[in-house]
Amino acid sequence: MENQYYQPSGYQQPIDPNYDATVKDFLTKAIVSCAICSLPVGSIIAIVMGKSNRQAVLDYINRGGLHTARVKVCSALSRASFYGGIGFTIFWGFYALYFLTVIMAAVGAIAYHSGFLIG
């Protein structure tokens, strides 16, 4: 009697001749966007880079590309840089607001004590 539910023992993924170059590009962009996500202006750039790189990785997988550990790392780093960029953009916004408030208070105090403002 033949086994109807027989499955092959190993799953073979299609071979991509450009795998190394493609994944190297994905990984380079992911690492760079993670590296700059904590910088004041780099956080905004990291949001864009992380989102576009992750979308490129997902498109590569949907086109039938290899879904290996390196591709998963690229996707994870791109997502981390996207959310890290959002977090640091908020942080730097509050940081700039704090310093703007301190500078305005100092200017107000100097103007008050020098007689420009009548109190």
N, C-alpha and C. Protein backbone atom coordinates (compact mmCIF):
# COMPACT_ATOMS: atom_id res chain seq x y z
N MET A 1 0.83 -1.16 0.00
CA MET A 1 0.00 0.00 0.00
C MET A 1 0.89 1.24 0.00
N GLU A 2 0.53 2.19 -0.79
CA GLU A 2 1.32 3.40 -0.96
C GLU A 2 0.94 4.44 0.09
N ASN A 3 1.94 5.13 0.62
CA ASN A 3 1.69 6.17 1.61
C ASN A 3 1.31 7.46 0.89
N GLN A 4 0.09 7.90 1.09
CA GLN A 4 -0.38 9.11 0.42
C GLN A 4 0.17 10.38 1.04
N TYR A 5 0.62 10.29 2.24
CA TYR A 5 1.07 11.48 2.97
C TYR A 5 2.58 11.60 3.03
N TYR A 6 3.25 10.95 2.12
CA TYR A 6 4.71 11.00 2.09
C TYR A 6 5.16 12.39 1.68
N GLN A 7 6.09 12.95 2.46
CA GLN A 7 6.67 14.24 2.12
C GLN A 7 8.18 14.06 2.00
N PRO A 8 8.80 14.80 1.13
CA PRO A 8 10.25 14.69 1.02
C PRO A 8 10.93 15.07 2.34
N SER A 9 12.07 14.47 2.59
CA SER A 9 12.73 14.70 3.87
C SER A 9 13.36 16.08 3.99
N GLY A 10 13.72 16.71 2.91
CA GLY A 10 14.35 18.03 2.98
C GLY A 10 13.69 19.00 2.02
N TYR A 11 13.52 20.18 2.46
CA TYR A 11 12.93 21.22 1.61
C TYR A 11 14.06 21.97 0.92
N GLN A 12 14.03 22.03 -0.37
CA GLN A 12 15.05 22.73 -1.15
C GLN A 12 14.54 24.10 -1.56
N GLN A 13 15.24 25.14 -1.12
CA GLN A 13 14.88 26.48 -1.55
C GLN A 13 15.51 26.73 -2.92
N PRO A 14 14.87 27.57 -3.71
CA PRO A 14 15.47 27.88 -5.02
C PRO A 14 16.81 28.59 -4.84
N ILE A 15 17.67 28.40 -5.79
CA ILE A 15 19.01 28.99 -5.72
C ILE A 15 18.98 30.37 -6.36
N ASP A 16 19.47 31.36 -5.64
CA ASP A 16 19.52 32.74 -6.13
C ASP A 16 20.98 33.07 -6.43
N PRO A 17 21.35 33.30 -7.68
CA PRO A 17 22.76 33.59 -8.00
C PRO A 17 23.24 34.93 -7.45
N ASN A 18 22.33 35.86 -7.20
CA ASN A 18 22.70 37.18 -6.68
C ASN A 18 22.48 37.30 -5.19
N TYR A 19 22.36 36.18 -4.49
CA TYR A 19 22.04 36.18 -3.07
C TYR A 19 23.07 36.97 -2.26
N ASP A 20 24.34 36.69 -2.45
CA ASP A 20 25.37 37.34 -1.64
C ASP A 20 25.37 38.86 -1.81
N ALA A 21 25.29 39.32 -3.04
CA ALA A 21 25.30 40.77 -3.29
C ALA A 21 24.03 41.43 -2.75
N THR A 22 22.90 40.77 -2.94
CA THR A 22 21.63 41.34 -2.48
C THR A 22 21.58 41.44 -0.97
N VAL A 23 21.94 40.37 -0.29
CA VAL A 23 21.89 40.37 1.16
C VAL A 23 22.95 41.30 1.75
N LYS A 24 24.11 41.40 1.10
CA LYS A 24 25.13 42.33 1.57
C LYS A 24 24.61 43.76 1.51
N ASP A 25 23.90 44.11 0.45
CA ASP A 25 23.31 45.44 0.33
C ASP A 25 22.26 45.67 1.42
N PHE A 26 21.38 44.68 1.63
CA PHE A 26 20.36 44.79 2.68
C PHE A 26 21.01 44.96 4.05
N LEU A 27 22.02 44.14 4.32
CA LEU A 27 22.66 44.16 5.63
C LEU A 27 23.44 45.46 5.86
N THR A 28 24.08 45.97 4.83
CA THR A 28 24.81 47.24 4.95
C THR A 28 23.85 48.38 5.28
N LYS A 29 22.75 48.45 4.57
CA LYS A 29 21.77 49.51 4.84
C LYS A 29 21.17 49.36 6.23
N ALA A 30 20.90 48.14 6.66
CA ALA A 30 20.32 47.92 7.97
C ALA A 30 21.28 48.33 9.09
N ILE A 31 22.55 47.98 8.95
CA ILE A 31 23.54 48.33 9.97
C ILE A 31 23.76 49.84 10.02
N VAL A 32 23.85 50.48 8.87
CA VAL A 32 24.04 51.93 8.83
C VAL A 32 22.85 52.64 9.44
N SER A 33 21.65 52.22 9.12
CA SER A 33 20.47 52.88 9.68
C SER A 33 20.38 52.66 11.19
N CYS A 34 20.81 51.51 11.68
CA CYS A 34 20.85 51.30 13.13
C CYS A 34 21.91 52.16 13.79
N ALA A 35 23.01 52.35 13.10
CA ALA A 35 24.10 53.14 13.67
C ALA A 35 23.76 54.61 13.78
N ILE A 36 22.97 55.14 12.85
CA ILE A 36 22.68 56.57 12.88
C ILE A 36 21.35 56.90 13.54
N CYS A 37 20.62 55.92 14.02
CA CYS A 37 19.29 56.21 14.56
C CYS A 37 19.34 56.99 15.86
N SER A 38 20.46 57.05 16.54
CA SER A 38 20.53 57.80 17.79
C SER A 38 21.04 59.22 17.60
N LEU A 39 21.40 59.61 16.41
CA LEU A 39 21.87 60.96 16.15
C LEU A 39 20.69 61.90 15.93
N PRO A 40 20.85 63.19 16.22
CA PRO A 40 19.70 64.11 16.12
C PRO A 40 19.04 64.13 14.74
N VAL A 41 19.77 64.35 13.68
CA VAL A 41 19.18 64.37 12.35
C VAL A 41 19.16 62.95 11.78
N GLY A 42 20.10 62.13 12.19
CA GLY A 42 20.18 60.76 11.71
C GLY A 42 18.98 59.92 12.11
N SER A 43 18.30 60.30 13.19
CA SER A 43 17.12 59.54 13.59
C SER A 43 16.01 59.64 12.54
N ILE A 44 15.88 60.80 11.93
CA ILE A 44 14.87 60.97 10.88
C ILE A 44 15.29 60.19 9.63
N ILE A 45 16.57 60.23 9.32
CA ILE A 45 17.08 59.48 8.17
C ILE A 45 16.93 57.98 8.42
N ALA A 46 17.16 57.54 9.66
CA ALA A 46 17.05 56.11 10.00
C ALA A 46 15.61 55.62 9.84
N ILE A 47 14.63 56.48 10.13
CA ILE A 47 13.24 56.08 9.94
C ILE A 47 13.00 55.74 8.47
N VAL A 48 13.45 56.62 7.60
CA VAL A 48 13.23 56.41 6.16
C VAL A 48 14.04 55.22 5.66
N MET A 49 15.31 55.14 6.06
CA MET A 49 16.15 54.03 5.60
C MET A 49 15.64 52.68 6.11
N GLY A 50 15.26 52.63 7.38
CA GLY A 50 14.77 51.38 7.96
C GLY A 50 13.49 50.90 7.31
N LYS A 51 12.57 51.83 7.07
CA LYS A 51 11.30 51.47 6.45
C LYS A 51 11.51 50.99 5.01
N SER A 52 12.32 51.73 4.24
CA SER A 52 12.52 51.34 2.84
C SER A 52 13.33 50.04 2.72
N ASN A 53 14.30 49.85 3.60
CA ASN A 53 15.11 48.63 3.54
C ASN A 53 14.28 47.42 3.94
N ARG A 54 13.44 47.55 4.95
CA ARG A 54 12.60 46.42 5.35
C ARG A 54 11.61 46.09 4.24
N GLN A 55 11.08 47.11 3.59
CA GLN A 55 10.16 46.86 2.49
C GLN A 55 10.87 46.15 1.34
N ALA A 56 12.13 46.54 1.09
CA ALA A 56 12.90 45.87 0.04
C ALA A 56 13.17 44.40 0.41
N VAL A 57 13.46 44.14 1.68
CA VAL A 57 13.68 42.76 2.13
C VAL A 57 12.41 41.94 1.95
N LEU A 58 11.27 42.50 2.35
CA LEU A 58 10.00 41.77 2.21
C LEU A 58 9.65 41.54 0.74
N ASP A 59 9.94 42.52 -0.11
CA ASP A 59 9.71 42.33 -1.55
C ASP A 59 10.60 41.22 -2.11
N TYR A 60 11.84 41.19 -1.64
CA TYR A 60 12.78 40.14 -2.07
C TYR A 60 12.25 38.76 -1.69
N ILE A 61 11.75 38.64 -0.48
CA ILE A 61 11.21 37.35 -0.03
C ILE A 61 9.96 36.99 -0.83
N ASN A 62 9.10 37.98 -1.06
CA ASN A 62 7.86 37.71 -1.81
C ASN A 62 8.13 37.33 -3.26
N ARG A 63 9.24 37.80 -3.82
CA ARG A 63 9.60 37.44 -5.20
C ARG A 63 10.20 36.04 -5.27
N GLY A 64 10.36 35.40 -4.14
CA GLY A 64 10.90 34.05 -4.14
C GLY A 64 12.35 33.98 -3.70
N GLY A 65 12.85 35.02 -3.09
CA GLY A 65 14.23 35.02 -2.62
C GLY A 65 14.40 34.09 -1.42
N LEU A 66 15.63 33.80 -1.13
CA LEU A 66 15.94 32.90 -0.02
C LEU A 66 15.60 33.56 1.31
N HIS A 67 15.00 32.79 2.20
CA HIS A 67 14.62 33.29 3.52
C HIS A 67 15.55 32.67 4.55
N THR A 68 16.76 33.19 4.59
CA THR A 68 17.80 32.63 5.45
C THR A 68 17.93 33.47 6.71
N ALA A 69 18.84 33.06 7.58
CA ALA A 69 19.07 33.79 8.82
C ALA A 69 19.60 35.20 8.55
N ARG A 70 20.43 35.35 7.52
CA ARG A 70 20.96 36.69 7.19
C ARG A 70 19.84 37.62 6.75
N VAL A 71 18.89 37.11 6.01
CA VAL A 71 17.76 37.94 5.57
C VAL A 71 16.89 38.30 6.77
N LYS A 72 16.72 37.37 7.69
CA LYS A 72 15.94 37.65 8.90
C LYS A 72 16.62 38.71 9.75
N VAL A 73 17.95 38.65 9.84
CA VAL A 73 18.69 39.67 10.58
C VAL A 73 18.54 41.03 9.92
N CYS A 74 18.58 41.08 8.61
CA CYS A 74 18.37 42.34 7.89
C CYS A 74 17.01 42.93 8.19
N SER A 75 16.00 42.09 8.20
CA SER A 75 14.65 42.54 8.49
C SER A 75 14.54 43.04 9.93
N ALA A 76 15.12 42.31 10.86
CA ALA A 76 15.06 42.70 12.27
C ALA A 76 15.80 44.01 12.53
N LEU A 77 16.99 44.16 11.94
CA LEU A 77 17.74 45.40 12.12
C LEU A 77 17.03 46.58 11.47
N SER A 78 16.40 46.37 10.34
CA SER A 78 15.66 47.45 9.70
C SER A 78 14.48 47.88 10.54
N ARG A 79 13.79 46.91 11.12
CA ARG A 79 12.67 47.25 12.00
C ARG A 79 13.16 47.97 13.25
N ALA A 80 14.28 47.52 13.81
CA ALA A 80 14.84 48.16 15.00
C ALA A 80 15.26 49.59 14.70
N SER A 81 15.85 49.83 13.54
CA SER A 81 16.25 51.20 13.20
C SER A 81 15.04 52.09 12.96
N PHE A 82 13.97 51.54 12.41
CA PHE A 82 12.75 52.31 12.21
C PHE A 82 12.18 52.77 13.55
N TYR A 83 11.98 51.83 14.46
CA TYR A 83 11.40 52.18 15.76
C TYR A 83 12.38 52.96 16.62
N GLY A 84 13.67 52.65 16.53
CA GLY A 84 14.67 53.43 17.24
C GLY A 84 14.71 54.87 16.74
N GLY A 85 14.59 55.04 15.43
CA GLY A 85 14.55 56.38 14.85
C GLY A 85 13.36 57.17 15.34
N ILE A 86 12.20 56.52 15.45
CA ILE A 86 11.02 57.20 15.97
C ILE A 86 11.24 57.61 17.42
N GLY A 87 11.75 56.69 18.22
CA GLY A 87 12.00 56.99 19.63
C GLY A 87 13.01 58.11 19.83
N PHE A 88 14.11 58.06 19.09
CA PHE A 88 15.12 59.10 19.24
C PHE A 88 14.67 60.43 18.65
N THR A 89 13.81 60.42 17.64
CA THR A 89 13.28 61.68 17.13
C THR A 89 12.44 62.36 18.20
N ILE A 90 11.63 61.59 18.90
CA ILE A 90 10.86 62.15 20.02
C ILE A 90 11.79 62.64 21.12
N PHE A 91 12.80 61.85 21.46
CA PHE A 91 13.76 62.25 22.49
C PHE A 91 14.45 63.56 22.13
N TRP A 92 14.96 63.66 20.89
CA TRP A 92 15.67 64.88 20.50
C TRP A 92 14.73 66.07 20.40
N GLY A 93 13.47 65.84 20.10
CA GLY A 93 12.49 66.92 20.10
C GLY A 93 12.31 67.49 21.51
N PHE A 94 12.14 66.62 22.49
CA PHE A 94 12.03 67.08 23.88
C PHE A 94 13.33 67.73 24.36
N TYR A 95 14.44 67.18 23.94
CA TYR A 95 15.75 67.73 24.31
C TYR A 95 15.90 69.16 23.77
N ALA A 96 15.53 69.37 22.51
CA ALA A 96 15.60 70.70 21.92
C ALA A 96 14.61 71.64 22.58
N LEU A 97 13.44 71.16 22.91
CA LEU A 97 12.44 71.97 23.59
C LEU A 97 12.93 72.40 24.98
N TYR A 98 13.59 71.50 25.68
CA TYR A 98 14.15 71.82 26.99
C TYR A 98 15.19 72.94 26.86
N PHE A 99 16.12 72.79 25.93
CA PHE A 99 17.15 73.81 25.79
C PHE A 99 16.58 75.13 25.29
N LEU A 100 15.58 75.09 24.46
CA LEU A 100 14.92 76.32 24.01
C LEU A 100 14.27 77.03 25.19
N THR A 101 13.64 76.27 26.08
CA THR A 101 13.03 76.84 27.27
C THR A 101 14.09 77.45 28.19
N VAL A 102 15.19 76.77 28.39
CA VAL A 102 16.26 77.28 29.25
C VAL A 102 16.86 78.56 28.65
N ILE A 103 17.08 78.57 27.35
CA ILE A 103 17.65 79.76 26.71
C ILE A 103 16.68 80.92 26.78
N MET A 104 15.41 80.67 26.57
CA MET A 104 14.41 81.75 26.66
C MET A 104 14.31 82.29 28.07
N ALA A 105 14.41 81.42 29.08
CA ALA A 105 14.39 81.88 30.47
C ALA A 105 15.62 82.72 30.78
N ALA A 106 16.77 82.30 30.25
CA ALA A 106 17.99 83.07 30.48
C ALA A 106 17.91 84.43 29.80
N VAL A 107 17.41 84.48 28.59
CA VAL A 107 17.26 85.76 27.89
C VAL A 107 16.27 86.65 28.63
N GLY A 108 15.18 86.06 29.11
CA GLY A 108 14.20 86.83 29.87
C GLY A 108 14.79 87.38 31.16
N ALA A 109 15.59 86.55 31.84
CA ALA A 109 16.21 87.00 33.09
C ALA A 109 17.21 88.11 32.82
N ILE A 110 17.98 87.99 31.76
CA ILE A 110 18.95 89.04 31.42
C ILE A 110 18.22 90.32 31.04
N ALA A 111 17.14 90.21 30.27
CA ALA A 111 16.38 91.39 29.88
C ALA A 111 15.72 92.04 31.09
N TYR A 112 15.24 91.25 32.01
CA TYR A 112 14.60 91.79 33.21
C TYR A 112 15.60 92.52 34.09
N HIS A 113 16.76 91.93 34.31
CA HIS A 113 17.76 92.53 35.20
C HIS A 113 18.52 93.69 34.56
N SER A 114 18.51 93.77 33.26
CA SER A 114 19.20 94.88 32.62
C SER A 114 18.29 96.08 32.41
N GLY A 115 17.04 95.96 32.74
CA GLY A 115 16.12 97.08 32.66
C GLY A 115 15.34 97.17 31.37
N PHE A 116 15.43 96.20 30.49
CA PHE A 116 14.65 96.25 29.27
C PHE A 116 13.18 95.97 29.55
N LEU A 117 12.93 95.19 30.54
CA LEU A 117 11.55 94.92 30.92
C LEU A 117 11.25 95.65 32.22
N ILE A 118 10.12 96.31 32.25
CA ILE A 118 9.75 97.03 33.47
C ILE A 118 8.84 96.11 34.24
N GLY A 119 9.23 95.80 35.47
CA GLY A 119 8.49 94.86 36.28
C GLY A 119 7.78 95.41 37.39
